[in-house]
Every structure is written in structure tokens, then in C-alpha cells.
């Protein structure tokens, strides 16, 4: 995990807008292009809307990640309402909703599973590749 580390509490529909703006800000700090930031904001909005439908406040976490010389943005949220649900079914549903917007979607934990979505910074997604 690396900076930026940001969190947004999801309690009502206004928080969806805050999520969108916060993801764009985090993506900008990491060097993603405006188009990539918009895609990430869309993915985070999807997750935030899912959280909002549960009726229970949850926190969406955003942070930079590094793995094998790759940098990216990770968006995560605990999803206790998914306890006992087959992880494969959750991942298939998220993948079908998000398409290729994010590079990785993970579901970890059993009692209070956490969804992780990662978008890796590539040359085509980087603001810094032109300068």
C-alpha cells in the first residue's frame, strides 16, 4: 500500500458524488489520464451504489498499490452482507457489471468479505508518458 490513502464514508446518495471526486483526485495524484480517472470513478461509483443499497454505512478505501514494478489505484470496501455468498458468483456479477474498466477484482475474507478493485497504471493510462 502506498499514498494516496483516502477514505469516503458511504451513508447517502450525496456520498456517491464524493466518491467520484475522490477517486478522480487519487487517480490524478498517481498520474492517470483524465479518461482513466473517469473509468475508475465509474467503477468506484458502482461499488458505492452497491454499498448504499445495503442501508448500512460502510467506508470505501482508496490507496495506491505497487506490485512487481507496477503502480496502480486500489478501491476497496468491506461487504459483510456478502458473508456466506459464493465468491465466484460475486466476482462474476462484478465483472459483468464493470467489464474491463478495472484490471483486477478480488474478494477476500469470509466473515466480512472485502472487495478489492485495482486499476494498474500503464503507458496508455499515464499522464506522464507524454512529458
N, C-alpha and C. Protein backbone atom coordinates (compact mmCIF):
# COMPACT_ATOMS: atom_id res chain seq x y z
N UNK A 1 0.85 -1.17 0.00
CA UNK A 1 0.00 0.00 0.00
C UNK A 1 0.89 1.23 0.00
N UNK A 2 0.46 2.24 -0.71
CA UNK A 2 1.22 3.48 -0.78
C UNK A 2 0.26 4.65 -0.90
N UNK A 3 0.73 5.88 -0.64
CA UNK A 3 -0.14 7.04 -0.80
C UNK A 3 -0.58 7.17 -2.25
N UNK A 4 -1.69 7.81 -2.55
CA UNK A 4 -2.58 8.42 -1.57
C UNK A 4 -3.42 7.38 -0.86
N UNK A 5 -3.73 7.65 0.39
CA UNK A 5 -4.66 6.83 1.16
C UNK A 5 -5.83 7.73 1.52
N UNK A 6 -6.98 7.41 0.98
CA UNK A 6 -8.17 8.22 1.21
C UNK A 6 -9.34 7.30 1.52
N UNK A 7 -10.30 7.82 2.26
CA UNK A 7 -11.49 7.03 2.59
C UNK A 7 -12.72 7.92 2.46
N UNK A 8 -13.83 7.29 2.06
CA UNK A 8 -15.10 8.00 1.98
C UNK A 8 -16.15 7.13 2.66
N UNK A 9 -16.84 7.72 3.63
CA UNK A 9 -17.94 7.02 4.30
C UNK A 9 -19.17 7.09 3.40
N UNK A 10 -19.78 5.94 3.11
CA UNK A 10 -20.96 5.87 2.25
C UNK A 10 -22.19 5.74 3.13
N UNK A 11 -22.94 6.83 3.24
CA UNK A 11 -24.16 6.83 4.07
C UNK A 11 -25.40 7.24 3.29
N UNK A 12 -25.24 8.11 2.28
CA UNK A 12 -26.39 8.54 1.49
C UNK A 12 -25.96 8.86 0.07
N UNK A 13 -26.91 9.22 -0.78
CA UNK A 13 -26.62 9.40 -2.20
C UNK A 13 -25.62 10.53 -2.48
N UNK A 14 -25.50 11.51 -1.60
CA UNK A 14 -24.52 12.57 -1.80
C UNK A 14 -23.09 12.02 -1.74
N UNK A 15 -22.92 10.95 -1.00
CA UNK A 15 -21.59 10.35 -0.87
C UNK A 15 -21.11 9.75 -2.20
N UNK A 16 -22.03 9.41 -3.08
CA UNK A 16 -21.66 8.87 -4.39
C UNK A 16 -20.86 9.92 -5.16
N UNK A 17 -21.30 11.17 -5.10
CA UNK A 17 -20.59 12.26 -5.75
C UNK A 17 -19.20 12.46 -5.13
N UNK A 18 -19.14 12.35 -3.81
CA UNK A 18 -17.86 12.50 -3.11
C UNK A 18 -16.91 11.38 -3.53
N UNK A 19 -17.43 10.16 -3.66
CA UNK A 19 -16.60 9.03 -4.11
C UNK A 19 -16.03 9.32 -5.50
N UNK A 20 -16.90 9.76 -6.39
CA UNK A 20 -16.46 10.05 -7.77
C UNK A 20 -15.33 11.07 -7.78
N UNK A 21 -15.50 12.16 -7.04
CA UNK A 21 -14.49 13.22 -6.99
C UNK A 21 -13.20 12.74 -6.32
N UNK A 22 -13.33 11.96 -5.25
CA UNK A 22 -12.16 11.49 -4.52
C UNK A 22 -11.35 10.52 -5.36
N UNK A 23 -12.01 9.65 -6.10
CA UNK A 23 -11.31 8.71 -6.98
C UNK A 23 -10.57 9.47 -8.07
N UNK A 24 -11.21 10.46 -8.63
CA UNK A 24 -10.54 11.26 -9.67
C UNK A 24 -9.30 11.95 -9.10
N UNK A 25 -9.42 12.46 -7.88
CA UNK A 25 -8.28 13.12 -7.23
C UNK A 25 -7.14 12.12 -6.99
N UNK A 26 -7.49 10.96 -6.46
CA UNK A 26 -6.46 9.93 -6.20
C UNK A 26 -5.80 9.51 -7.51
N UNK A 27 -6.59 9.31 -8.55
CA UNK A 27 -6.05 8.94 -9.85
C UNK A 27 -5.11 10.00 -10.41
N UNK A 28 -5.46 11.25 -10.18
CA UNK A 28 -4.62 12.35 -10.63
C UNK A 28 -3.29 12.34 -9.90
N UNK A 29 -3.33 12.12 -8.59
CA UNK A 29 -2.10 12.06 -7.80
C UNK A 29 -1.17 10.94 -8.25
N UNK A 30 -1.76 9.87 -8.77
CA UNK A 30 -0.97 8.72 -9.22
C UNK A 30 -0.53 8.84 -10.68
N UNK A 31 -1.04 9.86 -11.39
CA UNK A 31 -0.61 10.09 -12.76
C UNK A 31 -1.48 9.49 -13.84
N UNK A 32 -2.71 9.07 -13.51
CA UNK A 32 -3.62 8.53 -14.52
C UNK A 32 -4.16 9.64 -15.41
N UNK A 33 -4.48 9.29 -16.65
CA UNK A 33 -5.07 10.25 -17.60
C UNK A 33 -6.49 10.59 -17.15
N UNK A 34 -7.03 11.73 -17.62
CA UNK A 34 -8.42 12.07 -17.30
C UNK A 34 -9.41 10.96 -17.69
N UNK A 35 -9.21 10.33 -18.84
CA UNK A 35 -10.12 9.26 -19.26
C UNK A 35 -10.05 8.07 -18.31
N UNK A 36 -8.85 7.72 -17.87
CA UNK A 36 -8.70 6.60 -16.93
C UNK A 36 -9.30 6.95 -15.57
N UNK A 37 -9.14 8.20 -15.16
CA UNK A 37 -9.74 8.63 -13.89
C UNK A 37 -11.26 8.54 -13.96
N UNK A 38 -11.83 8.87 -15.10
CA UNK A 38 -13.29 8.77 -15.27
C UNK A 38 -13.73 7.31 -15.19
N UNK A 39 -12.95 6.40 -15.78
CA UNK A 39 -13.28 4.98 -15.70
C UNK A 39 -13.22 4.47 -14.27
N UNK A 40 -12.17 4.88 -13.55
CA UNK A 40 -12.03 4.47 -12.15
C UNK A 40 -13.17 5.02 -11.31
N UNK A 41 -13.57 6.26 -11.59
CA UNK A 41 -14.67 6.87 -10.84
C UNK A 41 -15.96 6.09 -11.10
N UNK A 42 -16.15 5.63 -12.31
CA UNK A 42 -17.33 4.84 -12.66
C UNK A 42 -17.34 3.51 -11.88
N UNK A 43 -16.19 2.85 -11.81
CA UNK A 43 -16.09 1.58 -11.08
C UNK A 43 -16.35 1.80 -9.59
N UNK A 44 -15.77 2.85 -9.03
CA UNK A 44 -15.96 3.15 -7.61
C UNK A 44 -17.41 3.50 -7.32
N UNK A 45 -18.04 4.22 -8.25
CA UNK A 45 -19.45 4.58 -8.09
C UNK A 45 -20.31 3.32 -8.05
N UNK A 46 -20.00 2.36 -8.91
CA UNK A 46 -20.73 1.09 -8.91
C UNK A 46 -20.63 0.41 -7.56
N UNK A 47 -19.43 0.36 -6.99
CA UNK A 47 -19.23 -0.25 -5.68
C UNK A 47 -19.95 0.54 -4.60
N UNK A 48 -19.85 1.87 -4.65
CA UNK A 48 -20.50 2.72 -3.65
C UNK A 48 -22.03 2.57 -3.71
N UNK A 49 -22.58 2.45 -4.90
CA UNK A 49 -24.03 2.26 -5.03
C UNK A 49 -24.45 0.92 -4.45
N UNK A 50 -23.62 -0.10 -4.65
CA UNK A 50 -23.89 -1.41 -4.06
C UNK A 50 -23.90 -1.32 -2.53
N UNK A 51 -22.92 -0.61 -1.98
CA UNK A 51 -22.84 -0.40 -0.53
C UNK A 51 -24.07 0.36 -0.03
N UNK A 52 -24.46 1.39 -0.75
CA UNK A 52 -25.59 2.23 -0.34
C UNK A 52 -26.89 1.42 -0.28
N UNK A 53 -27.05 0.48 -1.20
CA UNK A 53 -28.28 -0.34 -1.24
C UNK A 53 -28.44 -1.22 -0.02
N UNK A 54 -27.35 -1.48 0.70
CA UNK A 54 -27.45 -2.34 1.88
C UNK A 54 -28.11 -1.61 3.04
N UNK A 55 -28.05 -0.27 3.01
CA UNK A 55 -28.63 0.51 4.10
C UNK A 55 -27.71 0.70 5.29
N UNK A 56 -26.59 -0.01 5.30
CA UNK A 56 -25.63 0.12 6.39
C UNK A 56 -24.44 0.96 5.94
N UNK A 57 -24.07 1.98 6.71
CA UNK A 57 -22.90 2.80 6.33
C UNK A 57 -21.65 1.93 6.25
N UNK A 58 -20.88 2.14 5.21
CA UNK A 58 -19.61 1.45 5.02
C UNK A 58 -18.61 2.46 4.51
N UNK A 59 -17.34 2.14 4.61
CA UNK A 59 -16.28 3.02 4.15
C UNK A 59 -15.63 2.45 2.90
N UNK A 60 -15.49 3.30 1.90
CA UNK A 60 -14.77 2.95 0.69
C UNK A 60 -13.34 3.47 0.86
N UNK A 61 -12.36 2.60 0.65
CA UNK A 61 -10.96 2.98 0.83
C UNK A 61 -10.28 3.06 -0.53
N UNK A 62 -9.46 4.08 -0.70
CA UNK A 62 -8.68 4.27 -1.92
C UNK A 62 -7.23 4.37 -1.53
N UNK A 63 -6.38 3.63 -2.22
CA UNK A 63 -4.96 3.77 -1.95
C UNK A 63 -4.15 3.34 -3.15
N UNK A 64 -2.96 3.89 -3.22
CA UNK A 64 -2.02 3.47 -4.25
C UNK A 64 -1.48 2.10 -3.89
N UNK A 65 -1.16 1.30 -4.90
CA UNK A 65 -0.56 -0.02 -4.69
C UNK A 65 0.61 -0.19 -5.66
N UNK A 66 1.57 -1.00 -5.23
CA UNK A 66 2.71 -1.35 -6.07
C UNK A 66 2.89 -2.85 -6.01
N UNK A 67 3.07 -3.47 -7.18
CA UNK A 67 3.30 -4.92 -7.25
C UNK A 67 4.11 -5.21 -8.51
N UNK A 68 5.23 -5.88 -8.36
CA UNK A 68 6.09 -6.23 -9.50
C UNK A 68 6.39 -5.04 -10.40
N UNK A 69 6.83 -3.96 -9.81
CA UNK A 69 7.17 -2.73 -10.54
C UNK A 69 5.98 -2.07 -11.24
N UNK A 70 4.77 -2.44 -10.87
CA UNK A 70 3.57 -1.78 -11.40
C UNK A 70 2.98 -0.93 -10.29
N UNK A 71 2.45 0.22 -10.67
CA UNK A 71 1.74 1.09 -9.73
C UNK A 71 0.29 1.16 -10.16
N UNK A 72 -0.58 1.34 -9.18
CA UNK A 72 -1.99 1.42 -9.51
C UNK A 72 -2.81 2.01 -8.39
N UNK A 73 -4.11 2.05 -8.62
CA UNK A 73 -5.06 2.52 -7.63
C UNK A 73 -5.93 1.35 -7.21
N UNK A 74 -6.04 1.16 -5.90
CA UNK A 74 -6.89 0.12 -5.35
C UNK A 74 -8.08 0.77 -4.66
N UNK A 75 -9.27 0.25 -4.95
CA UNK A 75 -10.51 0.70 -4.31
C UNK A 75 -11.06 -0.51 -3.57
N UNK A 76 -11.38 -0.33 -2.28
CA UNK A 76 -11.86 -1.48 -1.52
C UNK A 76 -12.98 -1.08 -0.57
N UNK A 77 -13.78 -2.08 -0.22
CA UNK A 77 -14.86 -1.89 0.75
C UNK A 77 -15.17 -3.22 1.41
N UNK A 78 -15.39 -3.18 2.72
CA UNK A 78 -15.86 -4.37 3.41
C UNK A 78 -17.31 -4.60 3.01
N UNK A 79 -17.67 -5.86 2.85
CA UNK A 79 -19.02 -6.21 2.42
C UNK A 79 -19.59 -7.32 3.30
N UNK A 80 -19.90 -7.01 4.57
CA UNK A 80 -20.37 -8.07 5.48
C UNK A 80 -21.64 -8.75 4.99
N UNK A 81 -22.44 -8.06 4.18
CA UNK A 81 -23.66 -8.65 3.67
C UNK A 81 -23.40 -9.78 2.67
N UNK A 82 -22.14 -9.92 2.22
CA UNK A 82 -21.79 -10.99 1.30
C UNK A 82 -21.24 -12.23 2.01
N UNK A 83 -21.21 -12.20 3.34
CA UNK A 83 -20.74 -13.37 4.10
C UNK A 83 -21.61 -14.57 3.73
N UNK A 84 -20.97 -15.66 3.39
CA UNK A 84 -21.71 -16.87 3.04
C UNK A 84 -22.10 -16.96 1.58
N UNK A 85 -21.91 -15.90 0.81
CA UNK A 85 -22.22 -15.92 -0.62
C UNK A 85 -20.99 -16.45 -1.35
N UNK A 86 -21.19 -17.30 -2.33
CA UNK A 86 -20.08 -17.86 -3.09
C UNK A 86 -19.28 -16.75 -3.76
N UNK A 87 -17.98 -16.70 -3.46
CA UNK A 87 -17.11 -15.65 -4.01
C UNK A 87 -17.15 -15.64 -5.53
N UNK A 88 -17.18 -16.80 -6.14
CA UNK A 88 -17.22 -16.88 -7.60
C UNK A 88 -18.41 -16.15 -8.20
N UNK A 89 -19.57 -16.30 -7.55
CA UNK A 89 -20.78 -15.62 -8.04
C UNK A 89 -20.65 -14.11 -7.92
N UNK A 90 -20.08 -13.64 -6.82
CA UNK A 90 -19.89 -12.20 -6.61
C UNK A 90 -18.94 -11.65 -7.67
N UNK A 91 -17.84 -12.35 -7.90
CA UNK A 91 -16.85 -11.89 -8.88
C UNK A 91 -17.42 -11.88 -10.30
N UNK A 92 -18.20 -12.88 -10.64
CA UNK A 92 -18.84 -12.92 -11.97
C UNK A 92 -19.79 -11.73 -12.13
N UNK A 93 -20.58 -11.45 -11.10
CA UNK A 93 -21.52 -10.33 -11.15
C UNK A 93 -20.79 -9.00 -11.30
N UNK A 94 -19.73 -8.81 -10.52
CA UNK A 94 -18.98 -7.56 -10.60
C UNK A 94 -18.28 -7.42 -11.96
N UNK A 95 -17.70 -8.49 -12.44
CA UNK A 95 -17.01 -8.46 -13.73
C UNK A 95 -17.99 -8.12 -14.85
N UNK A 96 -19.20 -8.70 -14.79
CA UNK A 96 -20.18 -8.42 -15.85
C UNK A 96 -20.66 -6.97 -15.79
N UNK A 97 -20.72 -6.41 -14.59
CA UNK A 97 -21.16 -5.02 -14.43
C UNK A 97 -20.05 -4.04 -14.81
N UNK A 98 -18.82 -4.37 -14.48
CA UNK A 98 -17.70 -3.44 -14.69
C UNK A 98 -16.95 -3.68 -15.99
N UNK A 99 -17.14 -4.83 -16.61
CA UNK A 99 -16.43 -5.11 -17.86
C UNK A 99 -14.93 -5.06 -17.65
N UNK A 100 -14.25 -4.35 -18.54
CA UNK A 100 -12.79 -4.25 -18.47
C UNK A 100 -12.33 -2.94 -17.85
N UNK A 101 -13.22 -2.27 -17.11
CA UNK A 101 -12.88 -0.97 -16.53
C UNK A 101 -11.74 -1.12 -15.52
N UNK A 102 -11.76 -2.20 -14.73
CA UNK A 102 -10.70 -2.43 -13.76
C UNK A 102 -9.92 -3.68 -14.17
N UNK A 103 -8.66 -3.73 -13.77
CA UNK A 103 -7.80 -4.85 -14.15
C UNK A 103 -7.99 -6.07 -13.27
N UNK A 104 -8.24 -5.83 -11.99
CA UNK A 104 -8.38 -6.94 -11.05
C UNK A 104 -9.55 -6.68 -10.12
N UNK A 105 -10.30 -7.73 -9.84
CA UNK A 105 -11.35 -7.69 -8.82
C UNK A 105 -11.12 -8.90 -7.92
N UNK A 106 -10.96 -8.64 -6.63
CA UNK A 106 -10.71 -9.71 -5.66
C UNK A 106 -11.76 -9.64 -4.56
N UNK A 107 -12.08 -10.77 -3.99
CA UNK A 107 -12.96 -10.85 -2.83
C UNK A 107 -12.23 -11.70 -1.81
N UNK A 108 -11.88 -11.08 -0.66
CA UNK A 108 -11.10 -11.79 0.35
C UNK A 108 -11.80 -11.75 1.70
N UNK A 109 -11.70 -12.85 2.43
CA UNK A 109 -12.29 -12.95 3.76
C UNK A 109 -13.63 -13.67 3.71
N UNK A 110 -14.02 -14.23 4.84
CA UNK A 110 -15.28 -14.98 4.88
C UNK A 110 -16.34 -14.32 5.75
N UNK A 111 -15.98 -13.92 6.98
CA UNK A 111 -16.96 -13.34 7.90
C UNK A 111 -17.41 -11.96 7.45
N UNK A 112 -16.47 -11.18 6.98
CA UNK A 112 -16.77 -9.85 6.46
C UNK A 112 -15.92 -9.64 5.22
N UNK A 113 -16.34 -10.23 4.09
CA UNK A 113 -15.52 -10.16 2.88
C UNK A 113 -15.23 -8.72 2.45
N UNK A 114 -14.08 -8.53 1.85
CA UNK A 114 -13.69 -7.23 1.31
C UNK A 114 -13.51 -7.35 -0.19
N UNK A 115 -14.14 -6.44 -0.91
CA UNK A 115 -13.98 -6.36 -2.36
C UNK A 115 -12.81 -5.42 -2.64
N UNK A 116 -11.89 -5.86 -3.48
CA UNK A 116 -10.77 -5.03 -3.93
C UNK A 116 -10.85 -4.90 -5.44
N UNK A 117 -10.77 -3.68 -5.94
CA UNK A 117 -10.70 -3.43 -7.37
C UNK A 117 -9.40 -2.67 -7.63
N UNK A 118 -8.64 -3.10 -8.62
CA UNK A 118 -7.36 -2.46 -8.92
C UNK A 118 -7.30 -2.08 -10.39
N UNK A 119 -6.85 -0.85 -10.64
CA UNK A 119 -6.54 -0.42 -12.00
C UNK A 119 -5.06 -0.08 -12.02
N UNK A 120 -4.31 -0.78 -12.88
CA UNK A 120 -2.88 -0.57 -12.97
C UNK A 120 -2.57 0.58 -13.92
N UNK A 121 -1.56 1.35 -13.55
CA UNK A 121 -1.10 2.45 -14.38
C UNK A 121 -0.24 1.87 -15.50
N UNK A 122 -0.63 2.14 -16.73
CA UNK A 122 0.13 1.66 -17.89
C UNK A 122 0.50 2.89 -18.72
N UNK A 123 1.30 2.67 -19.74
CA UNK A 123 1.71 3.80 -20.58
C UNK A 123 0.50 4.49 -21.19
N UNK A 124 -0.50 3.71 -21.62
CA UNK A 124 -1.68 4.31 -22.24
C UNK A 124 -2.57 5.04 -21.24
N UNK A 125 -2.43 4.71 -19.97
CA UNK A 125 -3.24 5.35 -18.94
C UNK A 125 -2.51 6.47 -18.21
N UNK A 126 -1.25 6.70 -18.56
CA UNK A 126 -0.43 7.62 -17.80
C UNK A 126 -0.38 9.02 -18.41
N UNK A 127 -0.61 10.02 -17.56
CA UNK A 127 -0.45 11.42 -17.93
C UNK A 127 1.01 11.74 -18.16
N UNK A 128 1.88 10.97 -17.54
CA UNK A 128 3.31 11.29 -17.53
C UNK A 128 4.07 10.72 -18.72
N UNK A 129 3.41 9.93 -19.55
CA UNK A 129 4.11 9.31 -20.68
C UNK A 129 4.35 10.29 -21.82
N UNK A 130 3.72 11.46 -21.75
CA UNK A 130 3.85 12.43 -22.82
C UNK A 130 4.83 13.54 -22.50
N UNK A 131 5.40 13.52 -21.31
CA UNK A 131 6.20 14.67 -20.98
C UNK A 131 7.49 14.38 -20.47
